[in-house]
Amino acid sequence: MLRDPRRPPRLGETIELGAARLRVVAAMPDGRPREIEVRFLRPLASETLLWMQWREHGYVPFRPPAAGESVVVPKLDIASALFG
């Protein structure tokens, strides 16, 4: 989301971050990532991680899914989030 648009991540690309590894597993027709897989280097329940989710007009606590579960985060209308 915040990567330089001149260097978009490509399908199959793996991006290493400090606490996680991200891989683009599906792309839109224009090449933008549609789906990513995130693998964390420590358990999601680790006290070293703080989970938040944007709702309405601010961040709220978020509980990551347990092992074997999944979660779909609703899409965000960025204009509404920024300007109400």
N, C-alpha and C. Protein backbone atom coordinates (compact mmCIF):
# COMPACT_ATOMS: atom_id res chain seq x y z
N MET A 1 0.82 -1.19 0.00
CA MET A 1 0.00 0.00 0.00
C MET A 1 0.87 1.26 0.00
N LEU A 2 2.01 1.24 0.66
CA LEU A 2 2.83 2.43 0.75
C LEU A 2 4.12 2.32 -0.06
N ARG A 3 4.21 1.33 -0.91
CA ARG A 3 5.40 1.14 -1.73
C ARG A 3 5.39 2.12 -2.90
N ASP A 4 6.58 2.52 -3.34
CA ASP A 4 6.74 3.42 -4.47
C ASP A 4 6.00 2.84 -5.68
N PRO A 5 5.02 3.56 -6.26
CA PRO A 5 4.26 3.02 -7.38
C PRO A 5 5.11 2.71 -8.60
N ARG A 6 6.32 3.25 -8.65
CA ARG A 6 7.23 2.94 -9.77
C ARG A 6 7.90 1.58 -9.58
N ARG A 7 7.74 0.99 -8.38
CA ARG A 7 8.31 -0.33 -8.08
C ARG A 7 7.23 -1.23 -7.49
N PRO A 8 6.16 -1.50 -8.22
CA PRO A 8 5.09 -2.33 -7.65
C PRO A 8 5.56 -3.76 -7.40
N PRO A 9 5.08 -4.38 -6.34
CA PRO A 9 5.42 -5.79 -6.12
C PRO A 9 4.83 -6.64 -7.22
N ARG A 10 5.55 -7.67 -7.64
CA ARG A 10 5.10 -8.53 -8.73
C ARG A 10 4.59 -9.85 -8.20
N LEU A 11 3.74 -10.49 -8.99
CA LEU A 11 3.21 -11.81 -8.66
C LEU A 11 4.37 -12.75 -8.34
N GLY A 12 4.29 -13.41 -7.18
CA GLY A 12 5.32 -14.35 -6.76
C GLY A 12 6.46 -13.71 -5.98
N GLU A 13 6.56 -12.39 -6.00
CA GLU A 13 7.64 -11.70 -5.29
C GLU A 13 7.50 -11.88 -3.79
N THR A 14 8.63 -12.07 -3.11
CA THR A 14 8.67 -12.16 -1.65
C THR A 14 9.36 -10.92 -1.12
N ILE A 15 8.74 -10.30 -0.12
CA ILE A 15 9.27 -9.10 0.50
C ILE A 15 9.58 -9.42 1.95
N GLU A 16 10.82 -9.23 2.36
CA GLU A 16 11.25 -9.50 3.72
C GLU A 16 11.14 -8.23 4.56
N LEU A 17 10.39 -8.31 5.65
CA LEU A 17 10.31 -7.22 6.62
C LEU A 17 10.92 -7.73 7.92
N GLY A 18 11.09 -6.86 8.88
CA GLY A 18 11.70 -7.28 10.14
C GLY A 18 11.00 -8.42 10.84
N ALA A 19 9.69 -8.38 10.92
CA ALA A 19 8.94 -9.38 11.69
C ALA A 19 8.14 -10.33 10.82
N ALA A 20 8.18 -10.12 9.48
CA ALA A 20 7.32 -10.93 8.62
C ALA A 20 7.90 -11.06 7.21
N ARG A 21 7.38 -12.04 6.50
CA ARG A 21 7.72 -12.27 5.10
C ARG A 21 6.40 -12.23 4.31
N LEU A 22 6.33 -11.39 3.29
CA LEU A 22 5.13 -11.23 2.48
C LEU A 22 5.38 -11.77 1.08
N ARG A 23 4.36 -12.44 0.52
CA ARG A 23 4.48 -12.96 -0.84
C ARG A 23 3.20 -12.62 -1.60
N VAL A 24 3.35 -12.09 -2.79
CA VAL A 24 2.20 -11.76 -3.64
C VAL A 24 1.74 -13.06 -4.29
N VAL A 25 0.50 -13.48 -3.98
CA VAL A 25 -0.01 -14.76 -4.49
C VAL A 25 -1.07 -14.58 -5.58
N ALA A 26 -1.60 -13.38 -5.75
CA ALA A 26 -2.56 -13.11 -6.82
C ALA A 26 -2.45 -11.63 -7.17
N ALA A 27 -2.66 -11.33 -8.46
CA ALA A 27 -2.54 -9.95 -8.91
C ALA A 27 -3.76 -9.54 -9.71
N MET A 28 -4.01 -8.24 -9.75
CA MET A 28 -5.07 -7.65 -10.56
C MET A 28 -4.60 -7.66 -12.02
N PRO A 29 -5.51 -7.47 -12.97
CA PRO A 29 -5.10 -7.42 -14.37
C PRO A 29 -4.02 -6.37 -14.67
N ASP A 30 -4.03 -5.27 -13.90
CA ASP A 30 -3.02 -4.23 -14.12
C ASP A 30 -1.72 -4.49 -13.37
N GLY A 31 -1.63 -5.64 -12.69
CA GLY A 31 -0.40 -6.02 -12.00
C GLY A 31 -0.36 -5.71 -10.52
N ARG A 32 -1.30 -4.89 -10.02
CA ARG A 32 -1.32 -4.59 -8.59
C ARG A 32 -1.64 -5.85 -7.80
N PRO A 33 -1.05 -6.01 -6.60
CA PRO A 33 -1.37 -7.19 -5.78
C PRO A 33 -2.85 -7.25 -5.44
N ARG A 34 -3.44 -8.42 -5.58
CA ARG A 34 -4.84 -8.66 -5.20
C ARG A 34 -4.89 -9.43 -3.89
N GLU A 35 -3.90 -10.28 -3.68
CA GLU A 35 -3.85 -11.12 -2.48
C GLU A 35 -2.39 -11.31 -2.10
N ILE A 36 -2.13 -11.20 -0.80
CA ILE A 36 -0.78 -11.47 -0.31
C ILE A 36 -0.85 -12.50 0.81
N GLU A 37 0.23 -13.23 0.96
CA GLU A 37 0.38 -14.18 2.07
C GLU A 37 1.42 -13.59 3.00
N VAL A 38 1.12 -13.56 4.29
CA VAL A 38 2.04 -13.01 5.28
C VAL A 38 2.43 -14.11 6.24
N ARG A 39 3.72 -14.33 6.40
CA ARG A 39 4.24 -15.31 7.36
C ARG A 39 5.05 -14.54 8.40
N PHE A 40 4.60 -14.64 9.65
CA PHE A 40 5.29 -13.94 10.73
C PHE A 40 6.39 -14.83 11.30
N LEU A 41 7.45 -14.20 11.76
CA LEU A 41 8.60 -14.93 12.29
C LEU A 41 8.43 -15.31 13.74
N ARG A 42 7.35 -14.86 14.37
CA ARG A 42 7.02 -15.25 15.75
C ARG A 42 5.52 -15.50 15.81
N PRO A 43 5.05 -16.17 16.84
CA PRO A 43 3.61 -16.45 16.94
C PRO A 43 2.78 -15.17 16.94
N LEU A 44 1.62 -15.21 16.31
CA LEU A 44 0.75 -14.03 16.27
C LEU A 44 0.34 -13.57 17.65
N ALA A 45 0.28 -14.48 18.61
CA ALA A 45 -0.11 -14.14 19.98
C ALA A 45 1.04 -13.56 20.79
N SER A 46 2.20 -13.42 20.18
CA SER A 46 3.37 -12.89 20.89
C SER A 46 3.07 -11.51 21.47
N GLU A 47 3.50 -11.28 22.70
CA GLU A 47 3.28 -9.98 23.34
C GLU A 47 4.13 -8.88 22.71
N THR A 48 5.05 -9.26 21.83
CA THR A 48 5.88 -8.25 21.16
C THR A 48 5.16 -7.64 19.96
N LEU A 49 4.00 -8.17 19.61
CA LEU A 49 3.23 -7.66 18.48
C LEU A 49 1.98 -6.94 18.98
N LEU A 50 1.68 -5.81 18.38
CA LEU A 50 0.48 -5.04 18.71
C LEU A 50 -0.40 -5.03 17.47
N TRP A 51 -1.62 -5.53 17.61
CA TRP A 51 -2.53 -5.65 16.48
C TRP A 51 -3.62 -4.60 16.56
N MET A 52 -3.76 -3.84 15.48
CA MET A 52 -4.79 -2.80 15.39
C MET A 52 -5.44 -2.90 14.01
N GLN A 53 -6.67 -2.39 13.92
CA GLN A 53 -7.40 -2.37 12.66
C GLN A 53 -8.08 -1.03 12.52
N TRP A 54 -8.10 -0.48 11.32
CA TRP A 54 -8.78 0.79 11.08
C TRP A 54 -10.27 0.54 10.98
N ARG A 55 -11.06 1.25 11.76
CA ARG A 55 -12.52 1.17 11.72
C ARG A 55 -13.05 2.59 11.77
N GLU A 56 -14.01 2.87 10.91
CA GLU A 56 -14.63 4.19 10.87
C GLU A 56 -13.57 5.28 10.71
N HIS A 57 -13.15 5.89 11.84
CA HIS A 57 -12.22 7.01 11.76
C HIS A 57 -11.03 6.86 12.72
N GLY A 58 -10.66 5.64 13.03
CA GLY A 58 -9.52 5.46 13.90
C GLY A 58 -9.18 3.99 14.10
N TYR A 59 -8.06 3.75 14.73
CA TYR A 59 -7.62 2.38 15.00
C TYR A 59 -8.34 1.80 16.21
N VAL A 60 -8.62 0.52 16.14
CA VAL A 60 -9.21 -0.22 17.25
C VAL A 60 -8.42 -1.52 17.40
N PRO A 61 -8.43 -2.11 18.60
CA PRO A 61 -7.71 -3.37 18.79
C PRO A 61 -8.23 -4.46 17.84
N PHE A 62 -7.34 -5.32 17.44
CA PHE A 62 -7.67 -6.41 16.52
C PHE A 62 -7.09 -7.71 17.06
N ARG A 63 -7.88 -8.77 17.02
CA ARG A 63 -7.39 -10.08 17.44
C ARG A 63 -7.12 -10.91 16.20
N PRO A 64 -5.86 -11.30 15.99
CA PRO A 64 -5.57 -12.11 14.81
C PRO A 64 -6.21 -13.50 14.93
N PRO A 65 -6.45 -14.14 13.81
CA PRO A 65 -7.08 -15.46 13.86
C PRO A 65 -6.16 -16.50 14.50
N ALA A 66 -6.78 -17.50 15.11
CA ALA A 66 -6.01 -18.61 15.70
C ALA A 66 -5.46 -19.48 14.57
N ALA A 67 -4.53 -20.35 14.91
CA ALA A 67 -3.94 -21.27 13.93
C ALA A 67 -5.05 -22.04 13.23
N GLY A 68 -4.98 -22.09 11.91
CA GLY A 68 -5.98 -22.80 11.13
C GLY A 68 -7.19 -21.97 10.76
N GLU A 69 -7.34 -20.80 11.34
CA GLU A 69 -8.45 -19.90 11.02
C GLU A 69 -7.96 -18.86 10.01
N SER A 70 -8.89 -18.13 9.45
CA SER A 70 -8.53 -17.02 8.57
C SER A 70 -9.48 -15.87 8.83
N VAL A 71 -9.13 -14.71 8.36
CA VAL A 71 -9.97 -13.53 8.53
C VAL A 71 -9.89 -12.71 7.25
N VAL A 72 -11.02 -12.16 6.85
CA VAL A 72 -11.05 -11.24 5.72
C VAL A 72 -11.34 -9.86 6.28
N VAL A 73 -10.44 -8.94 6.04
CA VAL A 73 -10.60 -7.57 6.53
C VAL A 73 -11.38 -6.79 5.48
N PRO A 74 -12.47 -6.14 5.87
CA PRO A 74 -13.28 -5.41 4.89
C PRO A 74 -12.47 -4.31 4.20
N LYS A 75 -12.81 -4.07 2.93
CA LYS A 75 -12.10 -3.02 2.21
C LYS A 75 -12.40 -1.67 2.84
N LEU A 76 -11.53 -0.73 2.61
CA LEU A 76 -11.62 0.59 3.22
C LEU A 76 -11.82 1.64 2.15
N ASP A 77 -12.79 2.51 2.33
CA ASP A 77 -12.98 3.66 1.47
C ASP A 77 -12.04 4.75 2.01
N ILE A 78 -10.90 4.93 1.36
CA ILE A 78 -9.87 5.81 1.87
C ILE A 78 -10.35 7.26 1.98
N ALA A 79 -11.15 7.73 1.05
CA ALA A 79 -11.66 9.11 1.13
C ALA A 79 -12.54 9.30 2.36
N SER A 80 -13.40 8.33 2.63
CA SER A 80 -14.24 8.41 3.82
C SER A 80 -13.41 8.35 5.09
N ALA A 81 -12.41 7.49 5.10
CA ALA A 81 -11.56 7.36 6.29
C ALA A 81 -10.79 8.64 6.57
N LEU A 82 -10.33 9.29 5.52
CA LEU A 82 -9.52 10.50 5.71
C LEU A 82 -10.34 11.77 5.93
N PHE A 83 -11.47 11.86 5.24
CA PHE A 83 -12.19 13.12 5.25
C PHE A 83 -13.60 13.05 5.82
N GLY A 84 -14.00 11.84 6.28
CA GLY A 84 -15.30 11.70 6.91
C GLY A 84 -16.38 11.63 5.96
